[in-house]
Amino acid sequence: MLRLPPFRYLSPRSLEEAVSMLADHGPEAMLVAGGTDVYPKMRRRQFEPKVLVGLARVGSLREVRGTPTEGVSIGAGVTLTQLTRQAEIVTGYSGVVEGAEVISTPQLRNMGTIGGNLLVDTRCTYYDQTYQWRKSIDFCMKKEGSTCWVAPGSPRCLAVTSTDLAPVMMSLGARLRFVGPEGERVLDAADLYREDGIHYHTRQPGEILAEILLPSAEGWSSTYRKLRRREAFDFPLLGVAVGLRTGAGGEIEDVRIAIGGVGSAPQLIEEATEILCGKQPSEELIEKVASMAFRSSKALDNTDLIPIYRKKMAPVFVRRALRGLLGLSP
């Protein structure tokens, strides 16, 4: 049986108190919200904090404010289940609902939070194992070793991004507000992530993700498509999110396409915006963008299913997402 190691649990009631606790305990402390990723990894000794700062009692992190017309603020502690039921989100941000609905199981969605999913650890076949299994291969670069077993000659860790909601937020142009010992800062969702399996985000030490700021949904539609082996549970092996705005004449005024689950960071296909904007939708344009998705997807042997299959599914999912939003036949 895998057991949790000894740790202290602190339960702040405000963001300011949580920031202070993190600063007091430094590298020995780790944040926990729903705990659906933190506790299993503590059991496998992938995470070994001496102190956990729990965010469950910080009321401001569970607030949702605003309207789809003016924009919506979502506290980072809002659960995934609440995301799928919150009227302000359901009526204006269908991509967020679709992304949250396919994360894990109902029981874990009741516990897991939007902030936790946006900052969830990267995954890898050689990393997501028990301590004894990892020890048998002399560990890996991401934890206690020096070799990336995905590509032994690689100078960096190739663990893969496993967040469903990051591509969604990038496709919507969302911004993220962090609170830390140096004050507050707001950054675009796309700027949170790095193409590095170990240092996979730009959150600074001691910072806490406080809220997600969604822009106005006026004129926008969005969707999320996910590839996984088991439809009822698994992490994404590929995730495609699309946010799209059309004009009165049916022309595409703006579009953002983001892909996750294939590299160490989710990525925007920026060329797609240049190709589609100002044009009437057509099968030819959709096919051109789908080809870009194939070239942009650098799937590796670091998770389930063979890499070439995951890579080939990227254009398929982009086609389906675009056709669905544009009202074309699937």
Protein backbone atom coordinates (compact mmCIF):
# COMPACT_ATOMS: atom_id res chain seq x y z
CA MET A 1 0.00 0.00 0.00
CA LEU A 2 1.29 3.47 -0.90
CA ARG A 3 1.05 5.81 2.09
CA LEU A 4 1.39 9.56 2.39
CA PRO A 5 4.65 10.74 3.95
CA PRO A 6 4.47 12.86 7.14
CA PHE A 7 3.60 16.55 6.56
CA ARG A 8 2.07 19.58 8.27
CA TYR A 9 -1.21 20.94 6.93
CA LEU A 10 -1.90 24.68 7.21
CA SER A 11 -5.34 26.11 6.51
CA PRO A 12 -5.31 29.86 5.80
CA ARG A 13 -8.56 31.82 5.49
CA SER A 14 -7.32 34.51 3.11
CA LEU A 15 -4.95 34.87 0.18
CA GLU A 16 -2.73 37.17 2.19
CA GLU A 17 -2.40 34.57 4.94
CA ALA A 18 -1.68 31.84 2.38
CA VAL A 19 1.04 33.94 0.75
CA SER A 20 2.59 34.59 4.17
CA MET A 21 2.59 30.88 5.02
CA LEU A 22 4.29 30.00 1.74
CA ALA A 23 6.95 32.64 2.36
CA ASP A 24 7.54 31.41 5.91
CA HIS A 25 8.21 27.81 4.83
CA GLY A 26 9.91 28.43 1.49
CA PRO A 27 10.83 25.41 -0.69
CA GLU A 28 9.48 22.97 1.91
CA ALA A 29 5.90 24.18 1.29
CA MET A 30 3.47 23.30 -1.48
CA LEU A 31 -0.03 24.52 -2.26
CA VAL A 32 -2.98 22.14 -2.37
CA ALA A 33 -6.55 22.86 -3.42
CA GLY A 34 -8.60 19.79 -4.40
CA GLY A 35 -5.57 17.53 -3.98
CA THR A 36 -6.51 15.18 -6.84
CA ASP A 37 -2.98 15.36 -8.28
CA VAL A 38 -0.92 16.38 -5.26
CA TYR A 39 -1.83 13.53 -2.90
CA PRO A 40 -1.30 10.65 -5.38
CA LYS A 41 2.09 12.09 -6.29
CA MET A 42 3.02 12.44 -2.66
CA ARG A 43 2.24 8.75 -2.21
CA ARG A 44 4.54 7.92 -5.11
CA ARG A 45 7.19 10.32 -3.68
CA GLN A 46 7.11 12.50 -6.78
CA PHE A 47 6.18 15.42 -4.51
CA GLU A 48 7.78 15.52 -1.06
CA PRO A 49 6.66 18.71 0.72
CA LYS A 50 7.10 19.03 4.46
CA VAL A 51 4.23 21.55 4.62
CA LEU A 52 0.98 21.76 2.66
CA VAL A 53 -0.81 25.09 2.50
CA GLY A 54 -4.46 24.22 1.86
CA LEU A 55 -6.63 26.70 -0.03
CA ALA A 56 -10.03 25.12 0.64
CA ARG A 57 -11.04 27.74 3.23
CA VAL A 58 -10.04 30.81 1.18
CA GLY A 59 -13.51 32.05 0.22
CA SER A 60 -12.40 34.56 -2.43
CA LEU A 61 -11.01 31.70 -4.54
CA ARG A 62 -14.49 30.22 -4.97
CA GLU A 63 -16.19 33.33 -6.37
CA VAL A 64 -17.51 33.82 -9.91
CA ARG A 65 -18.32 37.40 -10.96
CA GLY A 66 -19.43 39.20 -14.11
CA THR A 67 -21.45 38.33 -17.19
CA PRO A 68 -20.61 36.87 -20.61
CA THR A 69 -21.25 40.31 -22.13
CA GLU A 70 -18.77 42.19 -19.96
CA GLY A 71 -16.42 39.32 -19.10
CA VAL A 72 -16.27 36.84 -16.23
CA SER A 73 -13.86 36.43 -13.32
CA ILE A 74 -13.46 32.86 -12.02
CA GLY A 75 -11.77 32.21 -8.70
CA ALA A 76 -8.99 29.64 -8.99
CA GLY A 77 -10.66 27.51 -6.32
CA VAL A 78 -13.91 27.03 -8.26
CA THR A 79 -14.40 23.30 -8.76
CA LEU A 80 -14.58 21.67 -12.17
CA THR A 81 -18.14 20.56 -11.44
CA GLN A 82 -19.16 24.13 -10.67
CA LEU A 83 -17.65 25.27 -13.97
CA THR A 84 -20.02 22.96 -15.84
CA ARG A 85 -23.06 24.33 -14.00
CA GLN A 86 -22.33 28.04 -13.46
CA ALA A 87 -24.85 30.02 -15.50
CA GLU A 88 -22.40 32.79 -16.46
CA ILE A 89 -20.04 30.21 -17.95
CA VAL A 90 -22.58 27.84 -19.48
CA THR A 91 -24.30 30.65 -21.43
CA GLY A 92 -21.17 32.26 -22.85
CA TYR A 93 -18.15 29.96 -22.73
CA SER A 94 -19.08 26.53 -24.03
CA GLY A 95 -15.42 25.60 -24.54
CA VAL A 96 -14.80 25.95 -20.80
CA VAL A 97 -17.77 23.70 -20.01
CA GLU A 98 -16.70 21.10 -22.60
CA GLY A 99 -13.14 21.13 -21.26
CA ALA A 100 -14.19 20.74 -17.63
CA GLU A 101 -16.72 18.00 -18.40
CA VAL A 102 -14.09 15.63 -19.77
CA ILE A 103 -11.57 15.95 -16.93
CA SER A 104 -11.28 12.76 -14.91
CA THR A 105 -14.42 11.40 -13.16
CA PRO A 106 -17.45 13.06 -11.52
CA GLN A 107 -16.07 12.39 -8.05
CA LEU A 108 -12.73 14.00 -8.84
CA ARG A 109 -14.39 16.93 -10.65
CA ASN A 110 -16.24 17.61 -7.41
CA MET A 111 -12.86 18.08 -5.72
CA GLY A 112 -10.55 19.34 -8.48
CA THR A 113 -10.34 23.07 -9.21
CA ILE A 114 -9.81 25.19 -12.29
CA GLY A 115 -6.58 26.57 -10.82
CA GLY A 116 -5.32 23.09 -10.05
CA ASN A 117 -5.96 21.94 -13.59
CA LEU A 118 -4.23 24.96 -15.13
CA LEU A 119 -1.14 24.26 -13.00
CA VAL A 120 -1.26 20.46 -12.98
CA ASP A 121 2.10 18.71 -13.22
CA THR A 122 3.42 17.42 -16.52
CA ARG A 123 3.24 13.66 -17.08
CA CYS A 124 5.44 10.96 -18.57
CA THR A 125 5.54 7.17 -18.85
CA TYR A 126 8.87 7.10 -17.00
CA TYR A 127 7.86 9.59 -14.31
CA ASP A 128 4.31 8.62 -13.32
CA GLN A 129 5.34 5.43 -11.57
CA THR A 130 5.98 4.30 -8.01
CA TYR A 131 9.23 5.17 -6.27
CA GLN A 132 10.56 1.61 -6.57
CA TRP A 133 9.75 1.46 -10.31
CA ARG A 134 11.54 4.74 -10.93
CA LYS A 135 14.48 3.64 -8.80
CA SER A 136 14.86 0.49 -10.92
CA ILE A 137 15.69 2.62 -13.99
CA ASP A 138 17.90 4.99 -11.98
CA PHE A 139 15.08 7.56 -11.95
CA CYS A 140 14.63 10.19 -14.68
CA MET A 141 15.58 13.80 -15.29
CA LYS A 142 12.30 15.14 -13.91
CA LYS A 143 12.85 13.62 -10.45
CA GLU A 144 16.18 12.50 -8.92
CA GLY A 145 17.81 11.30 -12.16
CA SER A 146 19.85 12.83 -14.98
CA THR A 147 18.46 11.10 -18.09
CA CYS A 148 15.26 11.79 -20.02
CA TRP A 149 14.29 8.23 -20.97
CA VAL A 150 11.93 9.51 -23.68
CA ALA A 151 15.02 10.68 -25.59
CA PRO A 152 18.20 9.83 -23.67
CA GLY A 153 20.22 12.43 -25.55
CA SER A 154 17.81 15.26 -24.79
CA PRO A 155 19.22 18.17 -22.75
CA ARG A 156 15.77 18.83 -21.23
CA CYS A 157 12.87 16.87 -19.76
CA LEU A 158 10.21 15.91 -22.32
CA ALA A 159 7.32 15.24 -19.94
CA VAL A 160 4.03 16.28 -21.55
CA THR A 161 1.46 18.90 -20.55
CA SER A 162 -1.64 17.29 -19.05
CA THR A 163 -4.00 20.22 -18.49
CA ASP A 164 -7.28 20.28 -20.44
CA LEU A 165 -8.25 23.84 -19.56
CA ALA A 166 -5.00 25.58 -20.57
CA PRO A 167 -5.68 25.27 -24.34
CA VAL A 168 -9.24 26.46 -23.69
CA MET A 169 -8.07 29.55 -21.83
CA MET A 170 -5.50 30.31 -24.51
CA SER A 171 -8.15 30.02 -27.25
CA LEU A 172 -10.39 32.46 -25.35
CA GLY A 173 -7.65 35.01 -24.70
CA ALA A 174 -8.01 34.60 -20.93
CA ARG A 175 -5.73 36.35 -18.45
CA LEU A 176 -4.52 35.04 -15.10
CA ARG A 177 -4.07 37.06 -11.89
CA PHE A 178 -1.40 35.93 -9.44
CA VAL A 179 -0.86 37.16 -5.89
CA GLY A 180 2.55 36.81 -4.26
CA PRO A 181 5.01 38.33 -1.80
CA GLU A 182 5.91 41.02 -4.35
CA GLY A 183 2.28 41.97 -4.97
CA GLU A 184 0.00 41.14 -7.91
CA ARG A 185 0.60 40.53 -11.58
CA VAL A 186 -1.63 39.59 -14.51
CA LEU A 187 -0.45 37.67 -17.56
CA ASP A 188 -1.95 36.12 -20.66
CA ALA A 189 -2.76 32.44 -20.29
CA ALA A 190 -0.36 31.64 -23.13
CA ASP A 191 2.51 33.24 -21.19
CA LEU A 192 2.12 30.91 -18.22
CA TYR A 193 3.63 27.87 -19.93
CA ARG A 194 7.14 26.84 -20.94
CA GLU A 195 8.27 24.08 -23.30
CA ASP A 196 10.05 22.28 -20.48
CA GLY A 197 8.78 19.21 -18.65
CA ILE A 198 10.28 20.26 -15.31
CA HIS A 199 9.97 24.06 -15.31
CA TYR A 200 6.70 23.99 -17.19
CA HIS A 201 5.17 27.27 -15.99
CA THR A 202 6.25 30.81 -15.15
CA ARG A 203 4.54 31.05 -11.76
CA GLN A 204 7.04 32.62 -9.41
CA PRO A 205 7.99 31.07 -6.02
CA GLY A 206 5.41 32.03 -3.42
CA GLU A 207 2.79 33.10 -5.93
CA ILE A 208 -0.81 31.88 -5.84
CA LEU A 209 -3.14 31.84 -8.84
CA ALA A 210 -6.08 33.93 -7.62
CA GLU A 211 -8.45 34.24 -10.57
CA ILE A 212 -8.98 33.62 -14.24
CA LEU A 213 -10.24 36.60 -16.24
CA LEU A 214 -12.32 35.71 -19.28
CA PRO A 215 -12.91 38.50 -21.81
CA SER A 216 -16.34 39.30 -23.17
CA ALA A 217 -17.92 36.39 -25.03
CA GLU A 218 -19.97 38.75 -27.21
CA GLY A 219 -19.90 37.34 -30.76
CA TRP A 220 -17.60 34.45 -29.78
CA SER A 221 -18.16 30.70 -29.80
CA SER A 222 -15.77 28.08 -28.47
CA THR A 223 -15.26 24.35 -28.24
CA TYR A 224 -12.85 21.71 -26.93
CA ARG A 225 -12.08 18.25 -28.33
CA LYS A 226 -10.08 15.62 -26.43
CA LEU A 227 -8.34 12.39 -27.36
CA ARG A 228 -7.81 9.76 -24.63
CA ARG A 229 -7.78 5.99 -24.45
CA ARG A 230 -10.58 5.65 -21.88
CA GLU A 231 -13.39 8.13 -22.45
CA ALA A 232 -14.47 8.01 -18.81
CA PHE A 233 -11.25 8.97 -17.09
CA ASP A 234 -7.88 9.57 -18.76
CA PHE A 235 -5.62 12.58 -19.13
CA PRO A 236 -5.49 14.19 -22.59
CA LEU A 237 -3.28 12.55 -25.21
CA LEU A 238 -4.33 15.44 -27.43
CA GLY A 239 -6.55 18.42 -26.72
CA VAL A 240 -7.76 20.95 -29.29
CA ALA A 241 -9.48 24.19 -28.26
CA VAL A 242 -10.92 26.75 -30.68
CA GLY A 243 -12.34 30.20 -30.01
CA LEU A 244 -13.98 31.85 -33.01
CA ARG A 245 -15.86 35.07 -33.83
CA THR A 246 -17.80 35.58 -37.06
CA GLY A 247 -19.17 38.77 -38.60
CA ALA A 248 -22.66 39.64 -39.80
CA GLY A 249 -21.80 38.34 -43.26
CA GLY A 250 -20.48 35.02 -41.99
CA GLU A 251 -16.82 35.96 -42.42
CA ILE A 252 -14.33 34.91 -39.74
CA GLU A 253 -13.36 38.02 -37.79
CA ASP A 254 -11.06 36.38 -35.27
CA VAL A 255 -9.97 32.86 -34.32
CA ARG A 256 -7.57 31.22 -31.89
CA ILE A 257 -6.63 27.54 -32.02
CA ALA A 258 -4.65 25.94 -29.20
CA ILE A 259 -3.29 22.39 -28.91
CA GLY A 260 -2.34 20.56 -25.72
CA GLY A 261 -1.34 17.07 -24.66
CA VAL A 262 1.46 16.56 -27.21
CA GLY A 263 4.36 18.72 -26.00
CA SER A 264 5.61 20.03 -22.68
CA ALA A 265 3.47 23.16 -23.13
CA PRO A 266 0.16 23.91 -24.84
CA GLN A 267 0.63 26.03 -27.93
CA LEU A 268 -1.31 28.45 -30.09
CA ILE A 269 -1.32 27.85 -33.85
CA GLU A 270 -0.77 31.51 -34.65
CA GLU A 271 -0.60 30.98 -38.42
CA ALA A 272 -4.22 29.81 -38.34
CA THR A 273 -5.35 33.28 -37.27
CA GLU A 274 -3.55 34.86 -40.21
CA ILE A 275 -5.06 32.41 -42.70
CA LEU A 276 -8.66 32.47 -41.48
CA CYS A 277 -9.28 36.06 -40.38
CA GLY A 278 -11.31 38.15 -42.80
CA LYS A 279 -12.24 35.14 -44.94
CA GLN A 280 -15.43 33.28 -45.62
CA PRO A 281 -15.14 29.76 -44.19
CA SER A 282 -14.42 27.03 -46.70
CA GLU A 283 -13.23 23.43 -46.72
CA GLU A 284 -10.03 24.55 -48.40
CA LEU A 285 -9.17 26.95 -45.57
CA ILE A 286 -10.06 24.40 -42.90
CA GLU A 287 -7.84 21.83 -44.58
CA LYS A 288 -4.95 24.29 -44.71
CA VAL A 289 -5.25 25.00 -40.99
CA ALA A 290 -5.58 21.27 -40.23
CA SER A 291 -2.28 20.68 -42.03
CA MET A 292 -0.66 23.28 -39.78
CA ALA A 293 -1.91 21.39 -36.74
CA PHE A 294 -0.20 18.25 -38.03
CA ARG A 295 3.11 20.07 -38.49
CA SER A 296 2.85 21.80 -35.11
CA SER A 297 2.17 18.61 -33.15
CA LYS A 298 5.43 17.11 -31.96
CA ALA A 299 4.09 14.03 -30.19
CA LEU A 300 6.72 11.85 -28.49
CA ASP A 301 6.80 8.47 -26.79
CA ASN A 302 6.15 9.95 -23.35
CA THR A 303 2.56 8.87 -22.72
CA ASP A 304 -0.18 6.51 -23.93
CA LEU A 305 -0.76 5.54 -27.63
CA ILE A 306 1.94 5.69 -30.28
CA PRO A 307 3.20 9.20 -31.14
CA ILE A 308 2.34 9.13 -34.87
CA TYR A 309 -1.29 8.30 -34.10
CA ARG A 310 -1.59 11.25 -31.72
CA LYS A 311 0.07 13.49 -34.30
CA LYS A 312 -2.30 12.33 -37.06
CA MET A 313 -5.32 12.98 -34.85
CA ALA A 314 -4.43 16.67 -34.40
CA PRO A 315 -5.70 17.76 -37.86
CA VAL A 316 -8.75 15.51 -37.46
CA PHE A 317 -9.74 17.25 -34.23
CA VAL A 318 -9.03 20.71 -35.64
CA ARG A 319 -11.31 19.97 -38.62
CA ARG A 320 -14.09 18.72 -36.35
CA ALA A 321 -13.82 21.71 -34.03
CA LEU A 322 -13.85 24.29 -36.83
CA ARG A 323 -16.66 22.62 -38.73
CA GLY A 324 -18.74 22.40 -35.58
CA LEU A 325 -18.32 26.08 -34.73
CA LEU A 326 -18.94 27.18 -38.33
CA GLY A 327 -22.06 25.01 -38.72
CA LEU A 328 -20.55 22.90 -41.50
CA SER A 329 -21.16 19.20 -41.98
CA PRO A 330 -18.80 17.07 -39.80
